[in-house]
Amino acid sequence: MDFGYFANVSNPGLVKPYGQILGEVRDLAVTIEDAGWDSIWFTEHHFGHEGFEVCPNAIMLCTDIAARTSRIRLGQAANIVTFWNP
């Protein structure tokens, strides 16, 4: 059995700066890898009820996390493919 973590990155009330939230997500990914979890999952969100979303591009977030981890698998629960036409 594999264990994965669904990271629903959010910032209720917009009280934290984006850099702080990104740092917390990075720390979370490293921590769950060190704890032996198998994967971490993100999802793409664009328009929150407060007008700002923390994770508009799960592809780039996973790239950032991949640079800081070595074993854990990274997943994207949803991508809006038409937004990322090469």
N, C-alpha and C. Protein backbone atom coordinates (compact mmCIF):
# COMPACT_ATOMS: atom_id res chain seq x y z
N MET A 1 0.84 -1.17 0.00
CA MET A 1 0.00 0.00 0.00
C MET A 1 0.89 1.24 0.00
N ASP A 2 0.55 2.17 -0.84
CA ASP A 2 1.27 3.45 -0.90
C ASP A 2 0.47 4.52 -0.17
N PHE A 3 1.20 5.45 0.42
CA PHE A 3 0.56 6.56 1.11
C PHE A 3 0.94 7.86 0.43
N GLY A 4 -0.07 8.66 0.12
CA GLY A 4 0.14 9.95 -0.51
C GLY A 4 -0.51 11.06 0.29
N TYR A 5 -0.03 12.25 0.11
CA TYR A 5 -0.54 13.43 0.81
C TYR A 5 -1.12 14.39 -0.22
N PHE A 6 -2.37 14.76 -0.04
CA PHE A 6 -3.00 15.75 -0.91
C PHE A 6 -2.82 17.12 -0.29
N ALA A 7 -1.98 17.93 -0.89
CA ALA A 7 -1.66 19.25 -0.36
C ALA A 7 -2.58 20.28 -1.00
N ASN A 8 -3.61 20.64 -0.30
CA ASN A 8 -4.52 21.68 -0.77
C ASN A 8 -3.98 23.02 -0.28
N VAL A 9 -3.10 23.58 -1.05
CA VAL A 9 -2.40 24.81 -0.67
C VAL A 9 -3.40 25.96 -0.66
N SER A 10 -3.49 26.63 0.48
CA SER A 10 -4.44 27.74 0.57
C SER A 10 -3.88 28.83 1.49
N ASN A 11 -4.55 29.95 1.47
CA ASN A 11 -4.16 31.10 2.29
C ASN A 11 -5.42 31.85 2.69
N PRO A 12 -6.23 31.27 3.58
CA PRO A 12 -7.48 31.93 3.97
C PRO A 12 -7.23 33.32 4.55
N GLY A 13 -7.95 34.28 4.05
CA GLY A 13 -7.80 35.65 4.51
C GLY A 13 -6.61 36.38 3.93
N LEU A 14 -5.84 35.70 3.10
CA LEU A 14 -4.65 36.29 2.47
C LEU A 14 -3.72 36.92 3.50
N VAL A 15 -3.48 36.22 4.60
CA VAL A 15 -2.68 36.79 5.68
C VAL A 15 -1.18 36.51 5.55
N LYS A 16 -0.79 35.53 4.74
CA LYS A 16 0.62 35.19 4.60
C LYS A 16 1.13 35.61 3.22
N PRO A 17 2.37 36.08 3.16
CA PRO A 17 2.95 36.37 1.84
C PRO A 17 3.20 35.07 1.08
N TYR A 18 3.17 35.16 -0.26
CA TYR A 18 3.31 33.97 -1.09
C TYR A 18 4.62 33.23 -0.80
N GLY A 19 5.70 33.95 -0.60
CA GLY A 19 6.99 33.31 -0.33
C GLY A 19 6.96 32.45 0.92
N GLN A 20 6.25 32.89 1.94
CA GLN A 20 6.13 32.11 3.17
C GLN A 20 5.35 30.83 2.92
N ILE A 21 4.27 30.92 2.17
CA ILE A 21 3.46 29.74 1.87
C ILE A 21 4.27 28.75 1.04
N LEU A 22 4.99 29.24 0.05
CA LEU A 22 5.82 28.37 -0.77
C LEU A 22 6.87 27.67 0.08
N GLY A 23 7.47 28.38 1.00
CA GLY A 23 8.44 27.77 1.91
C GLY A 23 7.82 26.68 2.77
N GLU A 24 6.60 26.91 3.23
CA GLU A 24 5.90 25.90 4.03
C GLU A 24 5.59 24.66 3.20
N VAL A 25 5.21 24.85 1.94
CA VAL A 25 4.93 23.70 1.06
C VAL A 25 6.21 22.92 0.79
N ARG A 26 7.30 23.62 0.57
CA ARG A 26 8.59 22.95 0.38
C ARG A 26 8.97 22.13 1.60
N ASP A 27 8.84 22.73 2.78
CA ASP A 27 9.15 22.01 4.02
C ASP A 27 8.25 20.80 4.20
N LEU A 28 6.97 20.96 3.88
CA LEU A 28 6.02 19.86 3.98
C LEU A 28 6.44 18.69 3.09
N ALA A 29 6.80 18.98 1.85
CA ALA A 29 7.18 17.91 0.92
C ALA A 29 8.42 17.16 1.41
N VAL A 30 9.41 17.89 1.89
CA VAL A 30 10.62 17.25 2.41
C VAL A 30 10.30 16.43 3.65
N THR A 31 9.46 16.96 4.52
CA THR A 31 9.09 16.25 5.75
C THR A 31 8.35 14.96 5.46
N ILE A 32 7.39 14.99 4.54
CA ILE A 32 6.66 13.75 4.29
C ILE A 32 7.53 12.74 3.54
N GLU A 33 8.47 13.21 2.73
CA GLU A 33 9.41 12.27 2.11
C GLU A 33 10.28 11.62 3.18
N ASP A 34 10.80 12.43 4.11
CA ASP A 34 11.62 11.90 5.19
C ASP A 34 10.84 10.93 6.08
N ALA A 35 9.53 11.13 6.18
CA ALA A 35 8.69 10.26 7.00
C ALA A 35 8.31 8.97 6.29
N GLY A 36 8.69 8.83 5.02
CA GLY A 36 8.44 7.60 4.30
C GLY A 36 7.18 7.57 3.45
N TRP A 37 6.51 8.69 3.32
CA TRP A 37 5.33 8.74 2.45
C TRP A 37 5.78 8.53 1.01
N ASP A 38 4.86 8.12 0.16
CA ASP A 38 5.20 7.76 -1.21
C ASP A 38 4.96 8.88 -2.23
N SER A 39 4.02 9.77 -1.96
CA SER A 39 3.70 10.80 -2.95
C SER A 39 3.09 12.02 -2.28
N ILE A 40 3.15 13.11 -3.03
CA ILE A 40 2.45 14.33 -2.64
C ILE A 40 1.73 14.84 -3.89
N TRP A 41 0.52 15.29 -3.70
CA TRP A 41 -0.35 15.70 -4.81
C TRP A 41 -0.76 17.16 -4.65
N PHE A 42 -0.79 17.85 -5.79
CA PHE A 42 -1.24 19.24 -5.84
C PHE A 42 -2.35 19.35 -6.87
N THR A 43 -3.08 20.42 -6.82
CA THR A 43 -4.10 20.67 -7.83
C THR A 43 -4.01 22.12 -8.29
N GLU A 44 -4.49 22.36 -9.46
CA GLU A 44 -4.42 23.68 -10.07
C GLU A 44 -5.71 24.45 -9.76
N HIS A 45 -5.54 25.64 -9.21
CA HIS A 45 -6.68 26.51 -8.93
C HIS A 45 -6.36 27.91 -9.44
N HIS A 46 -7.33 28.55 -10.02
CA HIS A 46 -7.09 29.88 -10.58
C HIS A 46 -7.89 30.99 -9.92
N PHE A 47 -9.12 30.76 -9.61
CA PHE A 47 -9.96 31.84 -9.11
C PHE A 47 -10.62 31.43 -7.80
N GLY A 48 -10.07 31.92 -6.71
CA GLY A 48 -10.65 31.63 -5.42
C GLY A 48 -11.68 32.68 -5.05
N HIS A 49 -12.41 32.41 -4.00
CA HIS A 49 -13.45 33.35 -3.59
C HIS A 49 -12.85 34.66 -3.09
N GLU A 50 -11.54 34.67 -2.76
CA GLU A 50 -10.90 35.90 -2.32
C GLU A 50 -10.13 36.57 -3.46
N GLY A 51 -10.24 36.01 -4.67
CA GLY A 51 -9.61 36.64 -5.82
C GLY A 51 -8.16 36.26 -6.06
N PHE A 52 -7.59 35.40 -5.24
CA PHE A 52 -6.19 35.01 -5.41
C PHE A 52 -6.05 33.55 -5.01
N GLU A 53 -5.34 32.80 -5.80
CA GLU A 53 -5.09 31.40 -5.45
C GLU A 53 -3.60 31.20 -5.27
N VAL A 54 -3.27 30.30 -4.38
CA VAL A 54 -1.88 30.05 -4.05
C VAL A 54 -1.22 29.13 -5.07
N CYS A 55 -1.98 28.26 -5.70
CA CYS A 55 -1.40 27.26 -6.61
C CYS A 55 -2.03 27.34 -8.00
N PRO A 56 -1.70 28.38 -8.78
CA PRO A 56 -2.27 28.46 -10.12
C PRO A 56 -1.59 27.53 -11.12
N ASN A 57 -0.40 27.01 -10.80
CA ASN A 57 0.33 26.17 -11.75
C ASN A 57 0.99 25.01 -11.01
N ALA A 58 0.29 23.89 -10.94
CA ALA A 58 0.81 22.72 -10.22
C ALA A 58 2.03 22.13 -10.91
N ILE A 59 2.16 22.33 -12.21
CA ILE A 59 3.33 21.82 -12.94
C ILE A 59 4.60 22.50 -12.42
N MET A 60 4.58 23.81 -12.31
CA MET A 60 5.75 24.53 -11.80
C MET A 60 6.01 24.23 -10.33
N LEU A 61 4.94 24.08 -9.55
CA LEU A 61 5.12 23.75 -8.14
C LEU A 61 5.79 22.39 -8.00
N CYS A 62 5.37 21.41 -8.79
CA CYS A 62 5.99 20.08 -8.72
C CYS A 62 7.45 20.13 -9.17
N THR A 63 7.76 20.99 -10.13
CA THR A 63 9.15 21.16 -10.56
C THR A 63 10.00 21.70 -9.42
N ASP A 64 9.46 22.66 -8.69
CA ASP A 64 10.15 23.23 -7.54
C ASP A 64 10.37 22.17 -6.46
N ILE A 65 9.34 21.39 -6.18
CA ILE A 65 9.45 20.35 -5.15
C ILE A 65 10.42 19.25 -5.59
N ALA A 66 10.43 18.91 -6.88
CA ALA A 66 11.34 17.88 -7.39
C ALA A 66 12.80 18.26 -7.16
N ALA A 67 13.11 19.55 -7.19
CA ALA A 67 14.47 20.00 -6.96
C ALA A 67 14.90 19.83 -5.51
N ARG A 68 13.94 19.63 -4.61
CA ARG A 68 14.25 19.55 -3.18
C ARG A 68 14.05 18.16 -2.59
N THR A 69 13.55 17.23 -3.39
CA THR A 69 13.30 15.87 -2.92
C THR A 69 14.01 14.90 -3.85
N SER A 70 14.09 13.63 -3.43
CA SER A 70 14.81 12.66 -4.26
C SER A 70 14.01 11.40 -4.56
N ARG A 71 13.06 11.04 -3.73
CA ARG A 71 12.37 9.77 -3.88
C ARG A 71 10.87 9.90 -4.05
N ILE A 72 10.30 10.86 -3.43
CA ILE A 72 8.83 10.98 -3.39
C ILE A 72 8.28 11.23 -4.80
N ARG A 73 7.14 10.64 -5.08
CA ARG A 73 6.49 10.86 -6.37
C ARG A 73 5.60 12.10 -6.27
N LEU A 74 5.55 12.85 -7.35
CA LEU A 74 4.79 14.09 -7.38
C LEU A 74 3.62 13.93 -8.34
N GLY A 75 2.46 14.39 -7.90
CA GLY A 75 1.28 14.25 -8.74
C GLY A 75 0.49 15.54 -8.81
N GLN A 76 -0.25 15.66 -9.89
CA GLN A 76 -1.16 16.79 -10.07
C GLN A 76 -2.56 16.22 -10.21
N ALA A 77 -3.40 16.56 -9.27
CA ALA A 77 -4.75 16.00 -9.25
C ALA A 77 -5.59 16.54 -10.39
N ALA A 78 -5.28 17.72 -10.86
CA ALA A 78 -6.02 18.29 -11.99
C ALA A 78 -5.18 19.37 -12.64
N ASN A 79 -5.19 19.37 -13.95
CA ASN A 79 -4.54 20.42 -14.74
C ASN A 79 -5.51 20.89 -15.81
N ILE A 80 -5.54 22.17 -16.02
CA ILE A 80 -6.35 22.73 -17.10
C ILE A 80 -5.42 22.85 -18.30
N VAL A 81 -5.39 21.81 -19.11
CA VAL A 81 -4.40 21.66 -20.15
C VAL A 81 -4.43 22.81 -21.15
N THR A 82 -5.58 23.31 -21.47
CA THR A 82 -5.66 24.39 -22.46
C THR A 82 -5.01 25.69 -22.00
N PHE A 83 -4.78 25.84 -20.69
CA PHE A 83 -4.09 27.03 -20.19
C PHE A 83 -2.58 26.96 -20.43
N TRP A 84 -2.05 25.76 -20.69
CA TRP A 84 -0.61 25.57 -20.78
C TRP A 84 -0.19 25.07 -22.15
N ASN A 85 -0.76 25.62 -23.20
CA ASN A 85 -0.43 25.23 -24.56
C ASN A 85 0.99 25.67 -24.88
N PRO A 86 1.89 24.73 -25.21
CA PRO A 86 3.28 25.12 -25.50
C PRO A 86 3.34 25.92 -26.77
